Amino acid sequence: MDKLDEHAEQDTDLRSYLLGFLFSVVLSAAAFVVMLGESFGRETTMVVLGCLGMLQLFVQLRYFLHIDGRRESQEDLYLILFSVLVLLMMVIGTVWVLGDLAGRMGMDMSM
């Protein structure tokens, strides 16, 4: 019975990886179609690409890193969220400092 359980678990993992791969390919192809199609305006294209990117992130977390609502994966989710928070603080702080420096030097930052 132990070998049957192991075989069933491997089949479930393989199915999960293949489904995640399929979703990733579809989302990547959709992003290319949106960019190359030029059927939307600039703002709409950016919003659609941002949404596709967030969907891609959730697919990666769910199907490849196996981060879901189970109790066993909560610690991993907390670690990922903390890492994202630290990275956001670094990026926002850097942009803030460089923007302030540019303002003090009298640089025109308008595009």
PDB file of N, CA and C in Angstrom:
ATOM      1  N   MET A   1       0.814  -1.197   0.000  1.00  0.00           N
ATOM      2  CA  MET A   1       0.000   0.000   0.000  1.00  0.00           C
ATOM      3  C   MET A   1       0.854   1.256   0.000  1.00  0.00           C
ATOM      4  N   ASP A   2       2.029   1.175   0.583  1.00  0.00           N
ATOM      5  CA  ASP A   2       2.880   2.356   0.688  1.00  0.00           C
ATOM      6  C   ASP A   2       3.369   2.808  -0.685  1.00  0.00           C
ATOM      7  N   LYS A   3       3.691   1.840  -1.547  1.00  0.00           N
ATOM      8  CA  LYS A   3       4.153   2.183  -2.896  1.00  0.00           C
ATOM      9  C   LYS A   3       3.027   2.795  -3.718  1.00  0.00           C
ATOM     10  N   LEU A   4       1.802   2.341  -3.506  1.00  0.00           N
ATOM     11  CA  LEU A   4       0.661   2.911  -4.225  1.00  0.00           C
ATOM     12  C   LEU A   4       0.434   4.364  -3.825  1.00  0.00           C
ATOM     13  N   ASP A   5       0.560   4.657  -2.538  1.00  0.00           N
ATOM     14  CA  ASP A   5       0.397   6.033  -2.080  1.00  0.00           C
ATOM     15  C   ASP A   5       1.489   6.930  -2.662  1.00  0.00           C
ATOM     16  N   GLU A   6       2.716   6.425  -2.702  1.00  0.00           N
ATOM     17  CA  GLU A   6       3.835   7.200  -3.262  1.00  0.00           C
ATOM     18  C   GLU A   6       3.631   7.452  -4.748  1.00  0.00           C
ATOM     19  N   HIS A   7       3.152   6.436  -5.460  1.00  0.00           N
ATOM     20  CA  HIS A   7       2.901   6.580  -6.895  1.00  0.00           C
ATOM     21  C   HIS A   7       1.772   7.583  -7.152  1.00  0.00           C
ATOM     22  N   ALA A   8       0.723   7.537  -6.349  1.00  0.00           N
ATOM     23  CA  ALA A   8      -0.396   8.477  -6.501  1.00  0.00           C
ATOM     24  C   ALA A   8       0.062   9.896  -6.208  1.00  0.00           C
ATOM     25  N   GLU A   9       0.936  10.080  -5.221  1.00  0.00           N
ATOM     26  CA  GLU A   9       1.456  11.410  -4.900  1.00  0.00           C
ATOM     27  C   GLU A   9       2.326  11.951  -6.037  1.00  0.00           C
ATOM     28  N   GLN A  10       3.128  11.089  -6.656  1.00  0.00           N
ATOM     29  CA  GLN A  10       3.943  11.512  -7.794  1.00  0.00           C
ATOM     30  C   GLN A  10       3.066  11.910  -8.975  1.00  0.00           C
ATOM     31  N   ASP A  11       1.997  11.172  -9.207  1.00  0.00           N
ATOM     32  CA  ASP A  11       1.070  11.526 -10.284  1.00  0.00           C
ATOM     33  C   ASP A  11       0.410  12.874 -10.024  1.00  0.00           C
ATOM     34  N   THR A  12       0.036  13.122  -8.774  1.00  0.00           N
ATOM     35  CA  THR A  12      -0.580  14.397  -8.419  1.00  0.00           C
ATOM     36  C   THR A  12       0.407  15.544  -8.617  1.00  0.00           C
ATOM     37  N   ASP A  13       1.667  15.348  -8.201  1.00  0.00           N
ATOM     38  CA  ASP A  13       2.680  16.381  -8.393  1.00  0.00           C
ATOM     39  C   ASP A  13       2.929  16.640  -9.872  1.00  0.00           C
ATOM     40  N   LEU A  14       3.026  15.592 -10.667  1.00  0.00           N
ATOM     41  CA  LEU A  14       3.254  15.755 -12.105  1.00  0.00           C
ATOM     42  C   LEU A  14       2.094  16.494 -12.742  1.00  0.00           C
ATOM     43  N   ARG A  15       0.880  16.144 -12.373  1.00  0.00           N
ATOM     44  CA  ARG A  15      -0.304  16.824 -12.898  1.00  0.00           C
ATOM     45  C   ARG A  15      -0.276  18.308 -12.521  1.00  0.00           C
ATOM     46  N   SER A  16       0.120  18.609 -11.290  1.00  0.00           N
ATOM     47  CA  SER A  16       0.198  19.993 -10.833  1.00  0.00           C
ATOM     48  C   SER A  16       1.240  20.774 -11.630  1.00  0.00           C
ATOM     49  N   TYR A  17       2.409  20.180 -11.850  1.00  0.00           N
ATOM     50  CA  TYR A  17       3.463  20.854 -12.626  1.00  0.00           C
ATOM     51  C   TYR A  17       3.032  21.085 -14.072  1.00  0.00           C
ATOM     52  N   LEU A  18       2.398  20.099 -14.674  1.00  0.00           N
ATOM     53  CA  LEU A  18       1.962  20.253 -16.061  1.00  0.00           C
ATOM     54  C   LEU A  18       0.868  21.307 -16.194  1.00  0.00           C
ATOM     55  N   LEU A  19      -0.051  21.325 -15.254  1.00  0.00           N
ATOM     56  CA  LEU A  19      -1.104  22.336 -15.275  1.00  0.00           C
ATOM     57  C   LEU A  19      -0.516  23.736 -15.062  1.00  0.00           C
ATOM     58  N   GLY A  20       0.421  23.860 -14.139  1.00  0.00           N
ATOM     59  CA  GLY A  20       1.094  25.140 -13.917  1.00  0.00           C
ATOM     60  C   GLY A  20       1.861  25.585 -15.141  1.00  0.00           C
ATOM     61  N   PHE A  21       2.538  24.655 -15.794  1.00  0.00           N
ATOM     62  CA  PHE A  21       3.279  24.986 -17.014  1.00  0.00           C
ATOM     63  C   PHE A  21       2.331  25.472 -18.102  1.00  0.00           C
ATOM     64  N   LEU A  22       1.203  24.799 -18.257  1.00  0.00           N
ATOM     65  CA  LEU A  22       0.218  25.199 -19.255  1.00  0.00           C
ATOM     66  C   LEU A  22      -0.312  26.601 -18.969  1.00  0.00           C
ATOM     67  N   PHE A  23      -0.677  26.871 -17.717  1.00  0.00           N
ATOM     68  CA  PHE A  23      -1.157  28.207 -17.355  1.00  0.00           C
ATOM     69  C   PHE A  23      -0.082  29.266 -17.599  1.00  0.00           C
ATOM     70  N   SER A  24       1.165  28.956 -17.266  1.00  0.00           N
ATOM     71  CA  SER A  24       2.254  29.908 -17.463  1.00  0.00           C
ATOM     72  C   SER A  24       2.457  30.232 -18.942  1.00  0.00           C
ATOM     73  N   VAL A  25       2.404  29.218 -19.782  1.00  0.00           N
ATOM     74  CA  VAL A  25       2.568  29.438 -21.220  1.00  0.00           C
ATOM     75  C   VAL A  25       1.417  30.280 -21.766  1.00  0.00           C
ATOM     76  N   VAL A  26       0.193  29.972 -21.341  1.00  0.00           N
ATOM     77  CA  VAL A  26      -0.971  30.732 -21.819  1.00  0.00           C
ATOM     78  C   VAL A  26      -0.884  32.189 -21.370  1.00  0.00           C
ATOM     79  N   LEU A  27      -0.515  32.435 -20.107  1.00  0.00           N
ATOM     80  CA  LEU A  27      -0.409  33.803 -19.624  1.00  0.00           C
ATOM     81  C   LEU A  27       0.724  34.567 -20.316  1.00  0.00           C
ATOM     82  N   SER A  28       1.834  33.897 -20.578  1.00  0.00           N
ATOM     83  CA  SER A  28       2.936  34.546 -21.293  1.00  0.00           C
ATOM     84  C   SER A  28       2.541  34.871 -22.733  1.00  0.00           C
ATOM     85  N   ALA A  29       1.865  33.946 -23.377  1.00  0.00           N
ATOM     86  CA  ALA A  29       1.410  34.196 -24.748  1.00  0.00           C
ATOM     87  C   ALA A  29       0.403  35.347 -24.773  1.00  0.00           C
ATOM     88  N   ALA A  30      -0.470  35.414 -23.780  1.00  0.00           N
ATOM     89  CA  ALA A  30      -1.437  36.511 -23.719  1.00  0.00           C
ATOM     90  C   ALA A  30      -0.729  37.851 -23.561  1.00  0.00           C
ATOM     91  N   ALA A  31       0.337  37.889 -22.768  1.00  0.00           N
ATOM     92  CA  ALA A  31       1.094  39.132 -22.611  1.00  0.00           C
ATOM     93  C   ALA A  31       1.745  39.547 -23.932  1.00  0.00           C
ATOM     94  N   PHE A  32       2.290  38.593 -24.666  1.00  0.00           N
ATOM     95  CA  PHE A  32       2.879  38.910 -25.974  1.00  0.00           C
ATOM     96  C   PHE A  32       1.821  39.410 -26.946  1.00  0.00           C
ATOM     97  N   VAL A  33       0.654  38.790 -26.941  1.00  0.00           N
ATOM     98  CA  VAL A  33      -0.417  39.218 -27.846  1.00  0.00           C
ATOM     99  C   VAL A  33      -0.865  40.639 -27.514  1.00  0.00           C
ATOM    100  N   VAL A  34      -0.975  40.946 -26.230  1.00  0.00           N
ATOM    101  CA  VAL A  34      -1.381  42.300 -25.830  1.00  0.00           C
ATOM    102  C   VAL A  34      -0.347  43.322 -26.278  1.00  0.00           C
ATOM    103  N   MET A  35       0.921  42.998 -26.103  1.00  0.00           N
ATOM    104  CA  MET A  35       1.977  43.951 -26.478  1.00  0.00           C
ATOM    105  C   MET A  35       2.110  44.101 -27.993  1.00  0.00           C
ATOM    106  N   LEU A  36       2.071  43.007 -28.702  1.00  0.00           N
ATOM    107  CA  LEU A  36       2.283  43.067 -30.146  1.00  0.00           C
ATOM    108  C   LEU A  36       1.035  43.493 -30.909  1.00  0.00           C
ATOM    109  N   GLY A  37      -0.138  43.301 -30.307  1.00  0.00           N
ATOM    110  CA  GLY A  37      -1.387  43.630 -30.981  1.00  0.00           C
ATOM    111  C   GLY A  37      -1.624  45.116 -31.120  1.00  0.00           C
ATOM    112  N   GLU A  38      -1.152  45.912 -30.174  1.00  0.00           N
ATOM    113  CA  GLU A  38      -1.318  47.361 -30.180  1.00  0.00           C
ATOM    114  C   GLU A  38      -2.776  47.769 -30.378  1.00  0.00           C
ATOM    115  N   SER A  39      -3.706  46.973 -29.862  1.00  0.00           N
ATOM    116  CA  SER A  39      -5.122  47.296 -30.019  1.00  0.00           C
ATOM    117  C   SER A  39      -5.648  48.128 -28.854  1.00  0.00           C
ATOM    118  N   PHE A  40      -4.884  48.236 -27.772  1.00  0.00           N
ATOM    119  CA  PHE A  40      -5.282  49.020 -26.606  1.00  0.00           C
ATOM    120  C   PHE A  40      -4.454  50.292 -26.547  1.00  0.00           C
ATOM    121  N   GLY A  41      -4.914  51.225 -25.736  1.00  0.00           N
ATOM    122  CA  GLY A  41      -4.116  52.409 -25.460  1.00  0.00           C
ATOM    123  C   GLY A  41      -2.978  52.067 -24.509  1.00  0.00           C
ATOM    124  N   ARG A  42      -2.113  53.035 -24.272  1.00  0.00           N
ATOM    125  CA  ARG A  42      -0.942  52.798 -23.425  1.00  0.00           C
ATOM    126  C   ARG A  42      -1.347  52.422 -21.997  1.00  0.00           C
ATOM    127  N   GLU A  43      -2.282  53.167 -21.415  1.00  0.00           N
ATOM    128  CA  GLU A  43      -2.686  52.912 -20.030  1.00  0.00           C
ATOM    129  C   GLU A  43      -3.378  51.556 -19.898  1.00  0.00           C
ATOM    130  N   THR A  44      -4.253  51.250 -20.836  1.00  0.00           N
ATOM    131  CA  THR A  44      -4.965  49.975 -20.788  1.00  0.00           C
ATOM    132  C   THR A  44      -3.992  48.810 -20.944  1.00  0.00           C
ATOM    133  N   THR A  45      -3.032  48.969 -21.832  1.00  0.00           N
ATOM    134  CA  THR A  45      -2.024  47.921 -22.022  1.00  0.00           C
ATOM    135  C   THR A  45      -1.245  47.679 -20.736  1.00  0.00           C
ATOM    136  N   MET A  46      -0.865  48.738 -20.052  1.00  0.00           N
ATOM    137  CA  MET A  46      -0.113  48.586 -18.795  1.00  0.00           C
ATOM    138  C   MET A  46      -0.960  47.903 -17.718  1.00  0.00           C
ATOM    139  N   VAL A  47      -2.238  48.253 -17.639  1.00  0.00           N
ATOM    140  CA  VAL A  47      -3.114  47.627 -16.646  1.00  0.00           C
ATOM    141  C   VAL A  47      -3.293  46.140 -16.960  1.00  0.00           C
ATOM    142  N   VAL A  48      -3.517  45.813 -18.227  1.00  0.00           N
ATOM    143  CA  VAL A  48      -3.695  44.410 -18.625  1.00  0.00           C
ATOM    144  C   VAL A  48      -2.411  43.619 -18.354  1.00  0.00           C
ATOM    145  N   LEU A  49      -1.259  44.187 -18.674  1.00  0.00           N
ATOM    146  CA  LEU A  49       0.011  43.495 -18.421  1.00  0.00           C
ATOM    147  C   LEU A  49       0.254  43.318 -16.921  1.00  0.00           C
ATOM    148  N   GLY A  50      -0.115  44.313 -16.133  1.00  0.00           N
ATOM    149  CA  GLY A  50       0.010  44.186 -14.676  1.00  0.00           C
ATOM    150  C   GLY A  50      -0.864  43.073 -14.130  1.00  0.00           C
ATOM    151  N   CYS A  51      -2.097  42.987 -14.633  1.00  0.00           N
ATOM    152  CA  CYS A  51      -3.006  41.913 -14.196  1.00  0.00           C
ATOM    153  C   CYS A  51      -2.488  40.541 -14.624  1.00  0.00           C
ATOM    154  N   LEU A  52      -1.990  40.450 -15.841  1.00  0.00           N
ATOM    155  CA  LEU A  52      -1.416  39.177 -16.298  1.00  0.00           C
ATOM    156  C   LEU A  52      -0.188  38.796 -15.472  1.00  0.00           C
ATOM    157  N   GLY A  53       0.604  39.789 -15.093  1.00  0.00           N
ATOM    158  CA  GLY A  53       1.769  39.527 -14.250  1.00  0.00           C
ATOM    159  C   GLY A  53       1.377  39.021 -12.869  1.00  0.00           C
ATOM    160  N   MET A  54       0.324  39.603 -12.290  1.00  0.00           N
ATOM    161  CA  MET A  54      -0.148  39.140 -10.979  1.00  0.00           C
ATOM    162  C   MET A  54      -0.703  37.715 -11.078  1.00  0.00           C
ATOM    163  N   LEU A  55      -1.441  37.431 -12.148  1.00  0.00           N
ATOM    164  CA  LEU A  55      -1.924  36.062 -12.351  1.00  0.00           C
ATOM    165  C   LEU A  55      -0.758  35.083 -12.493  1.00  0.00           C
ATOM    166  N   GLN A  56       0.267  35.503 -13.212  1.00  0.00           N
ATOM    167  CA  GLN A  56       1.460  34.662 -13.378  1.00  0.00           C
ATOM    168  C   GLN A  56       2.119  34.391 -12.016  1.00  0.00           C
ATOM    169  N   LEU A  57       2.169  35.418 -11.169  1.00  0.00           N
ATOM    170  CA  LEU A  57       2.739  35.255  -9.830  1.00  0.00           C
ATOM    171  C   LEU A  57       1.942  34.222  -9.024  1.00  0.00           C
ATOM    172  N   PHE A  58       0.621  34.318  -9.059  1.00  0.00           N
ATOM    173  CA  PHE A  58      -0.197  33.365  -8.321  1.00  0.00           C
ATOM    174  C   PHE A  58      -0.053  31.947  -8.872  1.00  0.00           C
ATOM    175  N   VAL A  59       0.062  31.808 -10.186  1.00  0.00           N
ATOM    176  CA  VAL A  59       0.273  30.484 -10.780  1.00  0.00           C
ATOM    177  C   VAL A  59       1.602  29.909 -10.311  1.00  0.00           C
ATOM    178  N   GLN A  60       2.649  30.719 -10.303  1.00  0.00           N
ATOM    179  CA  GLN A  60       3.961  30.238  -9.865  1.00  0.00           C
ATOM    180  C   GLN A  60       3.925  29.808  -8.401  1.00  0.00           C
ATOM    181  N   LEU A  61       3.291  30.629  -7.563  1.00  0.00           N
ATOM    182  CA  LEU A  61       3.219  30.285  -6.142  1.00  0.00           C
ATOM    183  C   LEU A  61       2.406  29.022  -5.896  1.00  0.00           C
ATOM    184  N   ARG A  62       1.311  28.876  -6.599  1.00  0.00           N
ATOM    185  CA  ARG A  62       0.403  27.748  -6.355  1.00  0.00           C
ATOM    186  C   ARG A  62       0.919  26.438  -6.939  1.00  0.00           C
ATOM    187  N   TYR A  63       1.289  26.458  -8.203  1.00  0.00           N
ATOM    188  CA  TYR A  63       1.583  25.199  -8.888  1.00  0.00           C
ATOM    189  C   TYR A  63       3.043  24.758  -8.800  1.00  0.00           C
ATOM    190  N   PHE A  64       3.969  25.707  -8.621  1.00  0.00           N
ATOM    191  CA  PHE A  64       5.378  25.305  -8.580  1.00  0.00           C
ATOM    192  C   PHE A  64       5.963  25.350  -7.177  1.00  0.00           C
ATOM    193  N   LEU A  65       5.581  26.353  -6.386  1.00  0.00           N
ATOM    194  CA  LEU A  65       6.081  26.426  -5.013  1.00  0.00           C
ATOM    195  C   LEU A  65       5.125  25.782  -4.016  1.00  0.00           C
ATOM    196  N   HIS A  66       3.931  25.382  -4.482  1.00  0.00           N
ATOM    197  CA  HIS A  66       2.924  24.702  -3.666  1.00  0.00           C
ATOM    198  C   HIS A  66       2.548  25.524  -2.429  1.00  0.00           C
ATOM    199  N   ILE A  67       2.399  26.842  -2.630  1.00  0.00           N
ATOM    200  CA  ILE A  67       1.948  27.729  -1.564  1.00  0.00           C
ATOM    201  C   ILE A  67       0.448  27.893  -1.724  1.00  0.00           C
ATOM    202  N   ASP A  68      -0.308  27.368  -0.786  1.00  0.00           N
ATOM    203  CA  ASP A  68      -1.763  27.484  -0.834  1.00  0.00           C
ATOM    204  C   ASP A  68      -2.269  27.691   0.589  1.00  0.00           C
ATOM    205  N   GLY A  69      -3.516  27.436   0.839  1.00  0.00           N
ATOM    206  CA  GLY A  69      -4.121  27.711   2.133  1.00  0.00           C
ATOM    207  C   GLY A  69      -3.863  26.670   3.203  1.00  0.00           C
ATOM    208  N   ARG A  70      -3.113  25.623   2.891  1.00  0.00           N
ATOM    209  CA  ARG A  70      -2.869  24.578   3.892  1.00  0.00           C
ATOM    210  C   ARG A  70      -1.996  25.106   5.029  1.00  0.00           C
ATOM    211  N   ARG A  71      -2.143  24.497   6.150  1.00  0.00           N
ATOM    212  CA  ARG A  71      -1.407  24.915   7.347  1.00  0.00           C
ATOM    213  C   ARG A  71       0.105  24.735   7.180  1.00  0.00           C
ATOM    214  N   GLU A  72       0.521  23.720   6.445  1.00  0.00           N
ATOM    215  CA  GLU A  72       1.956  23.438   6.298  1.00  0.00           C
ATOM    216  C   GLU A  72       2.674  24.519   5.494  1.00  0.00           C
ATOM    217  N   SER A  73       1.969  25.175   4.586  1.00  0.00           N
ATOM    218  CA  SER A  73       2.627  26.143   3.710  1.00  0.00           C
ATOM    219  C   SER A  73       2.487  27.579   4.200  1.00  0.00           C
ATOM    220  N   GLN A  74       1.868  27.787   5.371  1.00  0.00           N
ATOM    221  CA  GLN A  74       1.698  29.148   5.876  1.00  0.00           C
ATOM    222  C   GLN A  74       3.026  29.794   6.235  1.00  0.00           C
ATOM    223  N   GLU A  75       3.950  29.039   6.803  1.00  0.00           N
ATOM    224  CA  GLU A  75       5.254  29.604   7.147  1.00  0.00           C
ATOM    225  C   GLU A  75       5.984  30.069   5.897  1.00  0.00           C
ATOM    226  N   ASP A  76       5.910  29.290   4.826  1.00  0.00           N
ATOM    227  CA  ASP A  76       6.547  29.687   3.576  1.00  0.00           C
ATOM    228  C   ASP A  76       5.908  30.951   3.016  1.00  0.00           C
ATOM    229  N   LEU A  77       4.595  31.038   3.111  1.00  0.00           N
ATOM    230  CA  LEU A  77       3.889  32.228   2.634  1.00  0.00           C
ATOM    231  C   LEU A  77       4.302  33.451   3.445  1.00  0.00           C
ATOM    232  N   TYR A  78       4.413  33.319   4.752  1.00  0.00           N
ATOM    233  CA  TYR A  78       4.840  34.442   5.585  1.00  0.00           C
ATOM    234  C   TYR A  78       6.260  34.877   5.227  1.00  0.00           C
ATOM    235  N   LEU A  79       7.128  33.935   4.961  1.00  0.00           N
ATOM    236  CA  LEU A  79       8.496  34.262   4.566  1.00  0.00           C
ATOM    237  C   LEU A  79       8.523  35.028   3.247  1.00  0.00           C
ATOM    238  N   ILE A  80       7.721  34.589   2.290  1.00  0.00           N
ATOM    239  CA  ILE A  80       7.660  35.267   0.990  1.00  0.00           C
ATOM    240  C   ILE A  80       7.096  36.678   1.154  1.00  0.00           C
ATOM    241  N   LEU A  81       6.029  36.828   1.926  1.00  0.00           N
ATOM    242  CA  LEU A  81       5.433  38.144   2.142  1.00  0.00           C
ATOM    243  C   LEU A  81       6.391  39.084   2.863  1.00  0.00           C
ATOM    244  N   PHE A  82       7.132  38.589   3.839  1.00  0.00           N
ATOM    245  CA  PHE A  82       8.118  39.418   4.524  1.00  0.00           C
ATOM    246  C   PHE A  82       9.225  39.854   3.571  1.00  0.00           C
ATOM    247  N   SER A  83       9.685  38.946   2.723  1.00  0.00           N
ATOM    248  CA  SER A  83      10.730  39.289   1.749  1.00  0.00           C
ATOM    249  C   SER A  83      10.236  40.354   0.776  1.00  0.00           C
ATOM    250  N   VAL A  84       8.991  40.233   0.329  1.00  0.00           N
ATOM    251  CA  VAL A  84       8.421  41.237  -0.570  1.00  0.00           C
ATOM    252  C   VAL A  84       8.323  42.580   0.131  1.00  0.00           C
ATOM    253  N   LEU A  85       7.924  42.577   1.400  1.00  0.00           N
ATOM    254  CA  LEU A  85       7.835  43.820   2.153  1.00  0.00           C
ATOM    255  C   LEU A  85       9.201  44.505   2.275  1.00  0.00           C
ATOM    256  N   VAL A  86      10.224  43.741   2.590  1.00  0.00           N
ATOM    257  CA  VAL A  86      11.572  44.308   2.708  1.00  0.00           C
ATOM    258  C   VAL A  86      12.035  44.867   1.355  1.00  0.00           C
ATOM    259  N   LEU A  87      11.794  44.133   0.272  1.00  0.00           N
ATOM    260  CA  LEU A  87      12.186  44.628  -1.050  1.00  0.00           C
ATOM    261  C   LEU A  87      11.427  45.894  -1.432  1.00  0.00           C
ATOM    262  N   LEU A  88      10.138  45.952  -1.130  1.00  0.00           N
ATOM    263  CA  LEU A  88       9.365  47.160  -1.412  1.00  0.00           C
ATOM    264  C   LEU A  88       9.885  48.353  -0.616  1.00  0.00           C
ATOM    265  N   MET A  89      10.228  48.130   0.637  1.00  0.00           N
ATOM    266  CA  MET A  89      10.781  49.219   1.449  1.00  0.00           C
ATOM    267  C   MET A  89      12.096  49.719   0.864  1.00  0.00           C
ATOM    268  N   MET A  90      12.934  48.817   0.386  1.00  0.00           N
ATOM    269  CA  MET A  90      14.210  49.225  -0.215  1.00  0.00           C
ATOM    270  C   MET A  90      13.991  50.012  -1.500  1.00  0.00           C
ATOM    271  N   VAL A  91      13.101  49.538  -2.355  1.00  0.00           N
ATOM    272  CA  VAL A  91      12.856  50.211  -3.634  1.00  0.00           C
ATOM    273  C   VAL A  91      12.212  51.570  -3.413  1.00  0.00           C
ATOM    274  N   ILE A  92      11.177  51.625  -2.583  1.00  0.00           N
ATOM    275  CA  ILE A  92      10.496  52.891  -2.337  1.00  0.00           C
ATOM    276  C   ILE A  92      11.435  53.884  -1.652  1.00  0.00           C
ATOM    277  N   GLY A  93      12.219  53.414  -0.720  1.00  0.00           N
ATOM    278  CA  GLY A  93      13.187  54.289  -0.055  1.00  0.00           C
ATOM    279  C   GLY A  93      14.222  54.834  -1.025  1.00  0.00           C
ATOM    280  N   THR A  94      14.699  54.000  -1.929  1.00  0.00           N
ATOM    281  CA  THR A  94      15.686  54.445  -2.908  1.00  0.00           C
ATOM    282  C   THR A  94      15.094  55.492  -3.846  1.00  0.00           C
ATOM    283  N   VAL A  95      13.885  55.238  -4.327  1.00  0.00           N
ATOM    284  CA  VAL A  95      13.237  56.207  -5.217  1.00  0.00           C
ATOM    285  C   VAL A  95      12.995  57.517  -4.486  1.00  0.00           C
ATOM    286  N   TRP A  96      12.600  57.436  -3.227  1.00  0.00           N
ATOM    287  CA  TRP A  96      12.334  58.632  -2.438  1.00  0.00           C
ATOM    288  C   TRP A  96      13.616  59.452  -2.264  1.00  0.00           C
ATOM    289  N   VAL A  97      14.698  58.798  -1.872  1.00  0.00           N
ATOM    290  CA  VAL A  97      15.961  59.500  -1.651  1.00  0.00           C
ATOM    291  C   VAL A  97      16.477  60.105  -2.955  1.00  0.00           C
ATOM    292  N   LEU A  98      16.436  59.347  -4.039  1.00  0.00           N
ATOM    293  CA  LEU A  98      16.932  59.874  -5.309  1.00  0.00           C
ATOM    294  C   LEU A  98      16.052  61.003  -5.844  1.00  0.00           C
ATOM    295  N   GLY A  99      14.740  60.903  -5.624  1.00  0.00           N
ATOM    296  CA  GLY A  99      13.842  61.987  -6.022  1.00  0.00           C
ATOM    297  C   GLY A  99      14.105  63.249  -5.234  1.00  0.00           C
ATOM    298  N   ASP A 100      14.332  63.107  -3.931  1.00  0.00           N
ATOM    299  CA  ASP A 100      14.653  64.264  -3.104  1.00  0.00           C
ATOM    300  C   ASP A 100      15.985  64.881  -3.519  1.00  0.00           C
ATOM    301  N   LEU A 101      16.965  64.041  -3.814  1.00  0.00           N
ATOM    302  CA  LEU A 101      18.264  64.530  -4.258  1.00  0.00           C
ATOM    303  C   LEU A 101      18.142  65.292  -5.576  1.00  0.00           C
ATOM    304  N   ALA A 102      17.357  64.749  -6.492  1.00  0.00           N
ATOM    305  CA  ALA A 102      17.153  65.429  -7.780  1.00  0.00           C
ATOM    306  C   ALA A 102      16.458  66.767  -7.561  1.00  0.00           C
ATOM    307  N   GLY A 103      15.492  66.831  -6.659  1.00  0.00           N
ATOM    308  CA  GLY A 103      14.805  68.092  -6.374  1.00  0.00           C
ATOM    309  C   GLY A 103      15.739  69.121  -5.765  1.00  0.00           C
ATOM    310  N   ARG A 104      16.627  68.691  -4.886  1.00  0.00           N
ATOM    311  CA  ARG A 104      17.579  69.614  -4.261  1.00  0.00           C
ATOM    312  C   ARG A 104      18.610  70.126  -5.258  1.00  0.00           C
ATOM    313  N   MET A 105      18.896  69.321  -6.266  1.00  0.00           N
ATOM    314  CA  MET A 105      19.876  69.743  -7.279  1.00  0.00           C
ATOM    315  C   MET A 105      19.225  70.556  -8.402  1.00  0.00           C
ATOM    316  N   GLY A 106      17.901  70.720  -8.334  1.00  0.00           N
ATOM    317  CA  GLY A 106      17.205  71.521  -9.329  1.00  0.00           C
ATOM    318  C   GLY A 106      17.013  70.835 -10.653  1.00  0.00           C
ATOM    319  N   MET A 107      17.009  69.518 -10.656  1.00  0.00           N
ATOM    320  CA  MET A 107      16.817  68.771 -11.894  1.00  0.00           C
ATOM    321  C   MET A 107      15.329  68.693 -12.217  1.00  0.00           C
ATOM    322  N   ASP A 108      14.992  68.794 -13.483  1.00  0.00           N
ATOM    323  CA  ASP A 108      13.603  68.659 -13.929  1.00  0.00           C
ATOM    324  C   ASP A 108      13.313  67.200 -14.168  1.00  0.00           C
ATOM    325  N   MET A 109      12.410  66.597 -13.372  1.00  0.00           N
ATOM    326  CA  MET A 109      12.125  65.180 -13.477  1.00  0.00           C
ATOM    327  C   MET A 109      10.873  64.892 -14.289  1.00  0.00           C
ATOM    328  N   SER A 110      10.274  65.918 -14.917  1.00  0.00           N
ATOM    329  CA  SER A 110       9.063  65.680 -15.718  1.00  0.00           C
ATOM    330  C   SER A 110       9.430  65.016 -17.038  1.00  0.00           C
ATOM    331  N   MET A 111       8.518  64.165 -17.487  1.00  0.00           N
ATOM    332  CA  MET A 111       8.788  63.446 -18.740  1.00  0.00           C
ATOM    333  C   MET A 111       7.911  63.977 -19.831  1.00  0.00           C
TER     334      MET A 111
END
